[in-house]
Amino acid sequence: MRAVQKGGPEHYGPFVKAYGPYIYRTVFAVLHSPHDAEDITQEVLLQIYRSLPECRLDGLKTWITRIAVNRAIDFRRSKARRPEELLDSEVIAERLQEDTGGISSAELLAIEQSDRQRVRERVDEMPDNYREVITAYYMEDKSYEQIAAETGLERKSVESRLYRARNWMKRHWRKEDFE
């Protein structure tokens, strides 16, 4: 690692060979998706390389593990907050293999799109101040800070509006409205 810190990128190859598989296994344990684990492993390796000048090399493996786990958790959270995301080929392939009880995969995807459209229509019926933060946070995957900057609100106000918007949805929406 000291050679990488002093020598540059050409000395990083042995590190990648030594720790790459370990990082992949760590990320895979969090994500359970080979495709996502490969992508996040690359991001972690890049982040480690960029952070090397400040690295003290004490507890190197712990430091590497922490970066890998945190990045995987961040990815999983952001993916969970993106219901509008287009399905990637891996998800489509999984769904094509599922037993659908006589319904074709194309029909299932159409039903899912219809459900998303119904949710969008219901969100459009919300009061403006709630709709704005719900759309930004859940559909556009923006952070509290981004929403605050765009709306001119304080971060705490954004949190408060999201809380009130969720309560509004609980009071005004029924499960049957989405079936």
N, C-alpha and C. Protein backbone atom coordinates (compact mmCIF):
# COMPACT_ATOMS: atom_id res chain seq x y z
N MET A 1 0.82 -1.19 0.00
CA MET A 1 0.00 0.00 0.00
C MET A 1 0.87 1.26 0.00
N ARG A 2 1.97 1.20 0.71
CA ARG A 2 2.86 2.36 0.71
C ARG A 2 3.40 2.62 -0.69
N ALA A 3 3.67 1.53 -1.42
CA ALA A 3 4.15 1.68 -2.79
C ALA A 3 3.09 2.36 -3.66
N VAL A 4 1.84 2.01 -3.43
CA VAL A 4 0.76 2.63 -4.19
C VAL A 4 0.66 4.11 -3.82
N GLN A 5 0.78 4.41 -2.52
CA GLN A 5 0.69 5.80 -2.08
C GLN A 5 1.80 6.64 -2.71
N LYS A 6 3.00 6.07 -2.80
CA LYS A 6 4.14 6.83 -3.30
C LYS A 6 4.36 6.67 -4.79
N GLY A 7 3.98 5.50 -5.34
CA GLY A 7 4.33 5.18 -6.71
C GLY A 7 3.30 5.50 -7.77
N GLY A 8 2.05 5.55 -7.42
CA GLY A 8 1.05 5.87 -8.42
C GLY A 8 0.20 4.69 -8.82
N PRO A 9 -0.63 4.90 -9.85
CA PRO A 9 -1.64 3.92 -10.23
C PRO A 9 -1.09 2.58 -10.72
N GLU A 10 0.08 2.57 -11.30
CA GLU A 10 0.62 1.31 -11.81
C GLU A 10 0.91 0.31 -10.69
N HIS A 11 1.04 0.78 -9.47
CA HIS A 11 1.29 -0.10 -8.33
C HIS A 11 -0.01 -0.58 -7.67
N TYR A 12 -1.15 -0.17 -8.19
CA TYR A 12 -2.44 -0.51 -7.59
C TYR A 12 -2.92 -1.89 -8.00
N GLY A 13 -2.43 -2.44 -9.10
CA GLY A 13 -2.85 -3.75 -9.61
C GLY A 13 -2.73 -4.86 -8.59
N PRO A 14 -1.58 -5.01 -7.91
CA PRO A 14 -1.46 -6.08 -6.90
C PRO A 14 -2.47 -5.94 -5.76
N PHE A 15 -2.77 -4.69 -5.39
CA PHE A 15 -3.79 -4.47 -4.35
C PHE A 15 -5.14 -4.98 -4.82
N VAL A 16 -5.50 -4.64 -6.07
CA VAL A 16 -6.79 -5.06 -6.63
C VAL A 16 -6.86 -6.58 -6.67
N LYS A 17 -5.78 -7.24 -7.08
CA LYS A 17 -5.78 -8.70 -7.14
C LYS A 17 -5.90 -9.31 -5.75
N ALA A 18 -5.26 -8.69 -4.78
CA ALA A 18 -5.29 -9.22 -3.42
C ALA A 18 -6.62 -8.98 -2.72
N TYR A 19 -7.18 -7.78 -2.86
CA TYR A 19 -8.37 -7.42 -2.09
C TYR A 19 -9.66 -7.37 -2.90
N GLY A 20 -9.57 -7.37 -4.21
CA GLY A 20 -10.77 -7.31 -5.06
C GLY A 20 -11.78 -8.40 -4.75
N PRO A 21 -11.35 -9.68 -4.71
CA PRO A 21 -12.31 -10.75 -4.39
C PRO A 21 -12.94 -10.60 -3.00
N TYR A 22 -12.14 -10.15 -2.04
CA TYR A 22 -12.65 -9.94 -0.69
C TYR A 22 -13.72 -8.84 -0.68
N ILE A 23 -13.44 -7.74 -1.38
CA ILE A 23 -14.40 -6.64 -1.45
C ILE A 23 -15.68 -7.10 -2.13
N TYR A 24 -15.53 -7.86 -3.23
CA TYR A 24 -16.71 -8.38 -3.94
C TYR A 24 -17.57 -9.23 -3.01
N ARG A 25 -16.95 -10.16 -2.28
CA ARG A 25 -17.72 -11.02 -1.36
C ARG A 25 -18.42 -10.20 -0.28
N THR A 26 -17.76 -9.17 0.20
CA THR A 26 -18.34 -8.32 1.23
C THR A 26 -19.56 -7.58 0.69
N VAL A 27 -19.42 -7.01 -0.50
CA VAL A 27 -20.52 -6.27 -1.11
C VAL A 27 -21.66 -7.23 -1.48
N PHE A 28 -21.32 -8.39 -2.02
CA PHE A 28 -22.33 -9.37 -2.41
C PHE A 28 -23.14 -9.82 -1.20
N ALA A 29 -22.50 -9.93 -0.04
CA ALA A 29 -23.20 -10.35 1.17
C ALA A 29 -24.29 -9.35 1.56
N VAL A 30 -24.12 -8.09 1.18
CA VAL A 30 -25.12 -7.07 1.48
C VAL A 30 -26.19 -7.00 0.38
N LEU A 31 -25.76 -7.09 -0.89
CA LEU A 31 -26.67 -6.84 -2.00
C LEU A 31 -27.34 -8.09 -2.57
N HIS A 32 -26.68 -9.23 -2.49
CA HIS A 32 -27.21 -10.49 -3.04
C HIS A 32 -27.50 -10.41 -4.53
N SER A 33 -26.74 -9.62 -5.24
CA SER A 33 -26.89 -9.49 -6.69
C SER A 33 -25.50 -9.43 -7.31
N PRO A 34 -25.14 -10.43 -8.12
CA PRO A 34 -23.79 -10.43 -8.70
C PRO A 34 -23.52 -9.19 -9.55
N HIS A 35 -24.49 -8.77 -10.33
CA HIS A 35 -24.30 -7.61 -11.20
C HIS A 35 -24.05 -6.34 -10.37
N ASP A 36 -24.91 -6.10 -9.39
CA ASP A 36 -24.75 -4.91 -8.54
C ASP A 36 -23.46 -5.00 -7.73
N ALA A 37 -23.12 -6.20 -7.26
CA ALA A 37 -21.89 -6.37 -6.46
C ALA A 37 -20.66 -6.03 -7.29
N GLU A 38 -20.66 -6.42 -8.56
CA GLU A 38 -19.52 -6.08 -9.43
C GLU A 38 -19.39 -4.57 -9.59
N ASP A 39 -20.51 -3.91 -9.85
CA ASP A 39 -20.48 -2.45 -10.02
C ASP A 39 -20.00 -1.74 -8.76
N ILE A 40 -20.55 -2.13 -7.63
CA ILE A 40 -20.19 -1.47 -6.38
C ILE A 40 -18.75 -1.79 -6.00
N THR A 41 -18.27 -3.00 -6.30
CA THR A 41 -16.88 -3.34 -6.04
C THR A 41 -15.95 -2.38 -6.79
N GLN A 42 -16.28 -2.10 -8.05
CA GLN A 42 -15.48 -1.16 -8.84
C GLN A 42 -15.49 0.23 -8.19
N GLU A 43 -16.66 0.66 -7.74
CA GLU A 43 -16.75 1.97 -7.09
C GLU A 43 -15.94 2.00 -5.80
N VAL A 44 -15.98 0.91 -5.04
CA VAL A 44 -15.23 0.85 -3.79
C VAL A 44 -13.74 0.90 -4.07
N LEU A 45 -13.28 0.15 -5.07
CA LEU A 45 -11.85 0.17 -5.41
C LEU A 45 -11.41 1.57 -5.82
N LEU A 46 -12.24 2.25 -6.58
CA LEU A 46 -11.92 3.61 -6.99
C LEU A 46 -11.90 4.55 -5.78
N GLN A 47 -12.87 4.39 -4.89
CA GLN A 47 -12.92 5.23 -3.69
C GLN A 47 -11.69 4.99 -2.81
N ILE A 48 -11.28 3.74 -2.68
CA ILE A 48 -10.09 3.43 -1.88
C ILE A 48 -8.87 4.08 -2.51
N TYR A 49 -8.74 3.97 -3.82
CA TYR A 49 -7.58 4.55 -4.50
C TYR A 49 -7.53 6.07 -4.28
N ARG A 50 -8.68 6.71 -4.40
CA ARG A 50 -8.72 8.16 -4.20
C ARG A 50 -8.42 8.56 -2.76
N SER A 51 -8.73 7.69 -1.81
CA SER A 51 -8.55 8.00 -0.40
C SER A 51 -7.17 7.62 0.12
N LEU A 52 -6.36 6.96 -0.68
CA LEU A 52 -5.06 6.48 -0.22
C LEU A 52 -4.14 7.57 0.32
N PRO A 53 -4.09 8.75 -0.27
CA PRO A 53 -3.17 9.75 0.29
C PRO A 53 -3.43 10.07 1.77
N GLU A 54 -4.69 9.99 2.19
CA GLU A 54 -5.01 10.29 3.60
C GLU A 54 -4.97 9.04 4.49
N CYS A 55 -4.84 7.87 3.87
CA CYS A 55 -4.91 6.61 4.62
C CYS A 55 -3.67 6.43 5.49
N ARG A 56 -3.88 5.99 6.75
CA ARG A 56 -2.76 5.74 7.66
C ARG A 56 -2.28 4.30 7.60
N LEU A 57 -3.05 3.43 6.96
CA LEU A 57 -2.73 2.02 6.81
C LEU A 57 -2.83 1.22 8.11
N ASP A 58 -3.29 1.85 9.18
CA ASP A 58 -3.56 1.11 10.42
C ASP A 58 -4.94 0.51 10.28
N GLY A 59 -5.07 -0.78 10.48
CA GLY A 59 -6.37 -1.44 10.35
C GLY A 59 -6.89 -1.37 8.93
N LEU A 60 -6.02 -1.66 7.97
CA LEU A 60 -6.36 -1.53 6.56
C LEU A 60 -7.58 -2.35 6.17
N LYS A 61 -7.61 -3.61 6.58
CA LYS A 61 -8.73 -4.47 6.17
C LYS A 61 -10.04 -3.98 6.78
N THR A 62 -10.01 -3.50 7.99
CA THR A 62 -11.20 -2.96 8.63
C THR A 62 -11.68 -1.73 7.87
N TRP A 63 -10.75 -0.88 7.48
CA TRP A 63 -11.08 0.34 6.73
C TRP A 63 -11.71 -0.03 5.39
N ILE A 64 -11.12 -0.97 4.69
CA ILE A 64 -11.63 -1.43 3.40
C ILE A 64 -13.02 -2.02 3.56
N THR A 65 -13.20 -2.85 4.57
CA THR A 65 -14.50 -3.48 4.81
C THR A 65 -15.57 -2.43 5.09
N ARG A 66 -15.21 -1.44 5.88
CA ARG A 66 -16.17 -0.40 6.23
C ARG A 66 -16.61 0.38 4.99
N ILE A 67 -15.66 0.70 4.14
CA ILE A 67 -15.99 1.41 2.89
C ILE A 67 -16.92 0.55 2.04
N ALA A 68 -16.59 -0.73 1.89
CA ALA A 68 -17.39 -1.64 1.05
C ALA A 68 -18.81 -1.79 1.60
N VAL A 69 -18.93 -2.02 2.89
CA VAL A 69 -20.25 -2.22 3.50
C VAL A 69 -21.07 -0.93 3.40
N ASN A 70 -20.47 0.21 3.73
CA ASN A 70 -21.21 1.47 3.67
C ASN A 70 -21.68 1.78 2.25
N ARG A 71 -20.82 1.56 1.27
CA ARG A 71 -21.20 1.84 -0.12
C ARG A 71 -22.32 0.90 -0.57
N ALA A 72 -22.26 -0.37 -0.18
CA ALA A 72 -23.31 -1.33 -0.54
C ALA A 72 -24.64 -0.96 0.12
N ILE A 73 -24.60 -0.55 1.36
CA ILE A 73 -25.82 -0.14 2.07
C ILE A 73 -26.40 1.11 1.42
N ASP A 74 -25.56 2.07 1.08
CA ASP A 74 -26.03 3.28 0.41
C ASP A 74 -26.70 2.93 -0.91
N PHE A 75 -26.09 2.02 -1.67
CA PHE A 75 -26.66 1.62 -2.95
C PHE A 75 -28.02 0.95 -2.76
N ARG A 76 -28.09 0.05 -1.78
CA ARG A 76 -29.35 -0.65 -1.53
C ARG A 76 -30.45 0.32 -1.13
N ARG A 77 -30.12 1.30 -0.29
CA ARG A 77 -31.11 2.30 0.12
C ARG A 77 -31.58 3.13 -1.06
N SER A 78 -30.65 3.57 -1.88
CA SER A 78 -31.05 4.41 -3.01
C SER A 78 -31.87 3.61 -4.01
N LYS A 79 -31.56 2.35 -4.17
CA LYS A 79 -32.33 1.51 -5.08
C LYS A 79 -33.75 1.28 -4.54
N ALA A 80 -33.88 1.15 -3.23
CA ALA A 80 -35.19 0.93 -2.63
C ALA A 80 -36.07 2.18 -2.74
N ARG A 81 -35.45 3.36 -2.82
CA ARG A 81 -36.23 4.60 -2.89
C ARG A 81 -36.56 4.99 -4.32
N ARG A 82 -36.22 4.17 -5.30
CA ARG A 82 -36.46 4.51 -6.70
C ARG A 82 -37.51 3.61 -7.32
N PRO A 83 -38.76 3.77 -6.96
CA PRO A 83 -39.79 2.89 -7.54
C PRO A 83 -40.01 3.15 -9.02
N GLU A 84 -39.62 4.31 -9.51
CA GLU A 84 -39.85 4.66 -10.90
C GLU A 84 -38.75 4.15 -11.82
N GLU A 85 -37.72 3.56 -11.24
CA GLU A 85 -36.58 3.12 -12.05
C GLU A 85 -37.00 2.05 -13.06
N LEU A 86 -36.48 2.15 -14.25
CA LEU A 86 -36.76 1.14 -15.26
C LEU A 86 -36.16 -0.18 -14.84
N LEU A 87 -36.80 -1.24 -15.20
CA LEU A 87 -36.31 -2.55 -14.85
C LEU A 87 -35.06 -2.87 -15.64
N ASP A 88 -34.02 -3.34 -14.96
CA ASP A 88 -32.84 -3.73 -15.72
C ASP A 88 -33.01 -5.16 -16.23
N SER A 89 -32.15 -5.55 -17.12
CA SER A 89 -32.31 -6.84 -17.79
C SER A 89 -32.26 -8.01 -16.80
N GLU A 90 -31.50 -7.87 -15.73
CA GLU A 90 -31.41 -8.94 -14.74
C GLU A 90 -32.76 -9.17 -14.05
N VAL A 91 -33.44 -8.09 -13.68
CA VAL A 91 -34.75 -8.20 -13.03
C VAL A 91 -35.77 -8.77 -14.01
N ILE A 92 -35.73 -8.31 -15.25
CA ILE A 92 -36.66 -8.83 -16.26
C ILE A 92 -36.44 -10.33 -16.44
N ALA A 93 -35.17 -10.75 -16.50
CA ALA A 93 -34.88 -12.17 -16.67
C ALA A 93 -35.42 -12.98 -15.49
N GLU A 94 -35.24 -12.46 -14.28
CA GLU A 94 -35.76 -13.15 -13.09
C GLU A 94 -37.28 -13.28 -13.17
N ARG A 95 -37.93 -12.21 -13.58
CA ARG A 95 -39.38 -12.23 -13.66
C ARG A 95 -39.88 -13.15 -14.76
N LEU A 96 -39.12 -13.27 -15.82
CA LEU A 96 -39.51 -14.19 -16.89
C LEU A 96 -39.46 -15.63 -16.41
N GLN A 97 -38.57 -15.93 -15.45
CA GLN A 97 -38.41 -17.29 -14.96
C GLN A 97 -39.42 -17.64 -13.87
N GLU A 98 -40.06 -16.64 -13.28
CA GLU A 98 -41.00 -16.92 -12.18
C GLU A 98 -42.25 -17.62 -12.71
N ASP A 99 -42.83 -18.46 -11.85
CA ASP A 99 -44.11 -19.07 -12.20
C ASP A 99 -45.18 -18.02 -11.95
N THR A 100 -45.90 -17.64 -12.99
CA THR A 100 -46.85 -16.55 -12.88
C THR A 100 -48.29 -17.01 -12.83
N GLY A 101 -48.51 -18.30 -12.74
CA GLY A 101 -49.88 -18.79 -12.64
C GLY A 101 -50.70 -18.51 -13.88
N GLY A 102 -50.10 -18.63 -15.05
CA GLY A 102 -50.82 -18.46 -16.29
C GLY A 102 -50.76 -17.06 -16.87
N ILE A 103 -50.25 -16.09 -16.12
CA ILE A 103 -50.15 -14.73 -16.63
C ILE A 103 -48.77 -14.57 -17.26
N SER A 104 -48.71 -14.04 -18.44
CA SER A 104 -47.42 -13.87 -19.12
C SER A 104 -46.62 -12.76 -18.45
N SER A 105 -45.32 -12.79 -18.65
CA SER A 105 -44.44 -11.77 -18.08
C SER A 105 -44.77 -10.40 -18.63
N ALA A 106 -45.13 -10.33 -19.90
CA ALA A 106 -45.50 -9.04 -20.49
C ALA A 106 -46.73 -8.47 -19.79
N GLU A 107 -47.70 -9.35 -19.47
CA GLU A 107 -48.89 -8.89 -18.76
C GLU A 107 -48.54 -8.39 -17.36
N LEU A 108 -47.64 -9.11 -16.69
CA LEU A 108 -47.22 -8.68 -15.35
C LEU A 108 -46.56 -7.32 -15.41
N LEU A 109 -45.67 -7.11 -16.38
CA LEU A 109 -45.01 -5.81 -16.50
C LEU A 109 -46.02 -4.71 -16.79
N ALA A 110 -47.01 -5.00 -17.62
CA ALA A 110 -48.05 -4.02 -17.92
C ALA A 110 -48.84 -3.68 -16.66
N ILE A 111 -49.13 -4.69 -15.86
CA ILE A 111 -49.86 -4.46 -14.60
C ILE A 111 -49.03 -3.58 -13.66
N GLU A 112 -47.73 -3.85 -13.58
CA GLU A 112 -46.86 -3.04 -12.72
C GLU A 112 -46.82 -1.59 -13.20
N GLN A 113 -46.75 -1.38 -14.50
CA GLN A 113 -46.75 -0.02 -15.03
C GLN A 113 -48.07 0.67 -14.72
N SER A 114 -49.16 -0.06 -14.82
CA SER A 114 -50.47 0.48 -14.49
C SER A 114 -50.52 0.88 -13.01
N ASP A 115 -49.95 0.03 -12.15
CA ASP A 115 -49.92 0.33 -10.72
C ASP A 115 -49.13 1.61 -10.45
N ARG A 116 -47.97 1.74 -11.12
CA ARG A 116 -47.16 2.95 -10.95
C ARG A 116 -47.94 4.19 -11.39
N GLN A 117 -48.67 4.05 -12.50
CA GLN A 117 -49.47 5.17 -13.00
C GLN A 117 -50.55 5.55 -11.99
N ARG A 118 -51.17 4.55 -11.39
CA ARG A 118 -52.20 4.81 -10.38
C ARG A 118 -51.61 5.54 -9.17
N VAL A 119 -50.41 5.16 -8.76
CA VAL A 119 -49.75 5.84 -7.64
C VAL A 119 -49.46 7.29 -8.03
N ARG A 120 -48.94 7.52 -9.25
CA ARG A 120 -48.67 8.88 -9.71
C ARG A 120 -49.94 9.73 -9.69
N GLU A 121 -51.05 9.14 -10.15
CA GLU A 121 -52.32 9.88 -10.15
C GLU A 121 -52.74 10.24 -8.74
N ARG A 122 -52.57 9.33 -7.81
CA ARG A 122 -52.95 9.60 -6.41
C ARG A 122 -52.04 10.67 -5.81
N VAL A 123 -50.76 10.63 -6.15
CA VAL A 123 -49.83 11.65 -5.65
C VAL A 123 -50.23 13.02 -6.20
N ASP A 124 -50.69 13.06 -7.44
CA ASP A 124 -51.12 14.33 -8.04
C ASP A 124 -52.31 14.94 -7.31
N GLU A 125 -53.08 14.12 -6.61
CA GLU A 125 -54.25 14.60 -5.87
C GLU A 125 -53.88 15.19 -4.51
N MET A 126 -52.64 15.03 -4.09
CA MET A 126 -52.21 15.51 -2.78
C MET A 126 -52.11 17.03 -2.77
N PRO A 127 -52.19 17.64 -1.58
CA PRO A 127 -51.94 19.08 -1.48
C PRO A 127 -50.54 19.41 -2.04
N ASP A 128 -50.42 20.58 -2.65
CA ASP A 128 -49.18 20.95 -3.34
C ASP A 128 -47.92 20.79 -2.50
N ASN A 129 -47.96 21.30 -1.26
CA ASN A 129 -46.74 21.25 -0.44
C ASN A 129 -46.33 19.81 -0.11
N TYR A 130 -47.27 18.90 0.03
CA TYR A 130 -46.94 17.50 0.28
C TYR A 130 -46.49 16.81 -1.01
N ARG A 131 -47.21 17.07 -2.09
CA ARG A 131 -46.89 16.45 -3.38
C ARG A 131 -45.45 16.78 -3.78
N GLU A 132 -45.06 18.01 -3.57
CA GLU A 132 -43.73 18.46 -3.97
C GLU A 132 -42.63 17.64 -3.27
N VAL A 133 -42.73 17.47 -1.96
CA VAL A 133 -41.68 16.74 -1.25
C VAL A 133 -41.76 15.24 -1.48
N ILE A 134 -42.97 14.69 -1.59
CA ILE A 134 -43.13 13.26 -1.85
C ILE A 134 -42.54 12.91 -3.22
N THR A 135 -42.85 13.71 -4.22
CA THR A 135 -42.34 13.46 -5.57
C THR A 135 -40.82 13.57 -5.59
N ALA A 136 -40.30 14.62 -4.98
CA ALA A 136 -38.84 14.82 -4.98
C ALA A 136 -38.13 13.69 -4.25
N TYR A 137 -38.64 13.30 -3.09
CA TYR A 137 -37.94 12.31 -2.27
C TYR A 137 -38.09 10.89 -2.82
N TYR A 138 -39.30 10.47 -3.10
CA TYR A 138 -39.54 9.07 -3.48
C TYR A 138 -39.42 8.81 -4.98
N MET A 139 -39.83 9.74 -5.80
CA MET A 139 -39.84 9.47 -7.23
C MET A 139 -38.61 10.00 -7.95
N GLU A 140 -38.03 11.07 -7.41
CA GLU A 140 -36.84 11.64 -8.04
C GLU A 140 -35.58 11.32 -7.26
N ASP A 141 -35.72 10.61 -6.14
CA ASP A 141 -34.59 10.14 -5.34
C ASP A 141 -33.67 11.28 -4.88
N LYS A 142 -34.27 12.37 -4.43
CA LYS A 142 -33.48 13.51 -3.96
C LYS A 142 -33.33 13.43 -2.45
N SER A 143 -32.21 13.95 -1.97
CA SER A 143 -31.95 13.97 -0.53
C SER A 143 -32.69 15.14 0.11
N TYR A 144 -32.75 15.13 1.43
CA TYR A 144 -33.37 16.24 2.15
C TYR A 144 -32.69 17.55 1.77
N GLU A 145 -31.35 17.51 1.68
CA GLU A 145 -30.59 18.71 1.38
C GLU A 145 -30.91 19.24 -0.02
N GLN A 146 -31.03 18.35 -0.99
CA GLN A 146 -31.36 18.77 -2.35
C GLN A 146 -32.75 19.40 -2.39
N ILE A 147 -33.70 18.77 -1.70
CA ILE A 147 -35.06 19.30 -1.68
C ILE A 147 -35.07 20.67 -1.01
N ALA A 148 -34.35 20.79 0.09
CA ALA A 148 -34.29 22.07 0.80
C ALA A 148 -33.71 23.16 -0.10
N ALA A 149 -32.65 22.84 -0.82
CA ALA A 149 -32.03 23.84 -1.70
C ALA A 149 -32.98 24.26 -2.82
N GLU A 150 -33.71 23.30 -3.38
CA GLU A 150 -34.60 23.61 -4.50
C GLU A 150 -35.87 24.35 -4.07
N THR A 151 -36.33 24.07 -2.86
CA THR A 151 -37.59 24.69 -2.42
C THR A 151 -37.37 25.92 -1.55
N GLY A 152 -36.14 26.13 -1.09
CA GLY A 152 -35.86 27.26 -0.21
C GLY A 152 -36.26 27.01 1.23
N LEU A 153 -36.55 25.75 1.55
CA LEU A 153 -36.91 25.39 2.92
C LEU A 153 -35.68 24.98 3.71
N GLU A 154 -35.81 24.97 5.02
CA GLU A 154 -34.77 24.41 5.87
C GLU A 154 -34.88 22.89 5.81
N ARG A 155 -33.77 22.20 6.11
CA ARG A 155 -33.77 20.73 6.08
C ARG A 155 -34.84 20.17 7.02
N LYS A 156 -34.93 20.74 8.21
CA LYS A 156 -35.92 20.28 9.19
C LYS A 156 -37.35 20.45 8.66
N SER A 157 -37.57 21.50 7.90
CA SER A 157 -38.90 21.72 7.32
C SER A 157 -39.23 20.66 6.29
N VAL A 158 -38.21 20.25 5.53
CA VAL A 158 -38.42 19.18 4.55
C VAL A 158 -38.78 17.88 5.27
N GLU A 159 -38.02 17.56 6.33
CA GLU A 159 -38.32 16.36 7.11
C GLU A 159 -39.75 16.42 7.67
N SER A 160 -40.12 17.57 8.18
CA SER A 160 -41.44 17.75 8.77
C SER A 160 -42.54 17.57 7.71
N ARG A 161 -42.32 18.16 6.53
CA ARG A 161 -43.33 18.01 5.47
C ARG A 161 -43.46 16.57 5.01
N LEU A 162 -42.34 15.88 4.92
CA LEU A 162 -42.42 14.46 4.53
C LEU A 162 -43.19 13.67 5.57
N TYR A 163 -42.95 13.94 6.83
CA TYR A 163 -43.66 13.26 7.91
C TYR A 163 -45.16 13.53 7.82
N ARG A 164 -45.52 14.80 7.64
CA ARG A 164 -46.93 15.16 7.54
C ARG A 164 -47.56 14.58 6.26
N ALA A 165 -46.79 14.54 5.17
CA ALA A 165 -47.31 13.98 3.92
C ALA A 165 -47.60 12.49 4.09
N ARG A 166 -46.71 11.79 4.77
CA ARG A 166 -46.96 10.36 5.02
C ARG A 166 -48.20 10.16 5.86
N ASN A 167 -48.37 10.98 6.86
CA ASN A 167 -49.58 10.90 7.70
C ASN A 167 -50.82 11.22 6.88
N TRP A 168 -50.73 12.21 5.99
CA TRP A 168 -51.85 12.55 5.13
C TRP A 168 -52.24 11.35 4.27
N MET A 169 -51.23 10.67 3.72
CA MET A 169 -51.51 9.49 2.89
C MET A 169 -52.18 8.39 3.71
N LYS A 170 -51.72 8.19 4.94
CA LYS A 170 -52.33 7.16 5.79
C LYS A 170 -53.80 7.47 6.06
N ARG A 171 -54.11 8.76 6.24
CA ARG A 171 -55.49 9.15 6.53
C ARG A 171 -56.39 9.12 5.29
N HIS A 172 -55.86 9.45 4.13
CA HIS A 172 -56.69 9.64 2.94
C HIS A 172 -56.65 8.49 1.94
N TRP A 173 -55.67 7.64 2.02
CA TRP A 173 -55.57 6.55 1.06
C TRP A 173 -55.94 5.23 1.73
N ARG A 174 -56.61 4.39 0.98
CA ARG A 174 -56.94 3.06 1.45
C ARG A 174 -56.25 2.05 0.54
N LYS A 175 -55.99 0.91 1.08
CA LYS A 175 -55.36 -0.15 0.29
C LYS A 175 -56.20 -0.48 -0.94
N GLU A 176 -57.50 -0.46 -0.77
CA GLU A 176 -58.40 -0.81 -1.86
C GLU A 176 -58.26 0.14 -3.06
N ASP A 177 -57.81 1.36 -2.80
CA ASP A 177 -57.65 2.34 -3.87
C ASP A 177 -56.58 1.92 -4.87
N PHE A 178 -55.74 1.00 -4.46
CA PHE A 178 -54.62 0.59 -5.31
C PHE A 178 -54.73 -0.83 -5.83
N GLU A 179 -55.85 -1.45 -5.62
CA GLU A 179 -56.03 -2.84 -6.07
C GLU A 179 -56.78 -2.89 -7.37
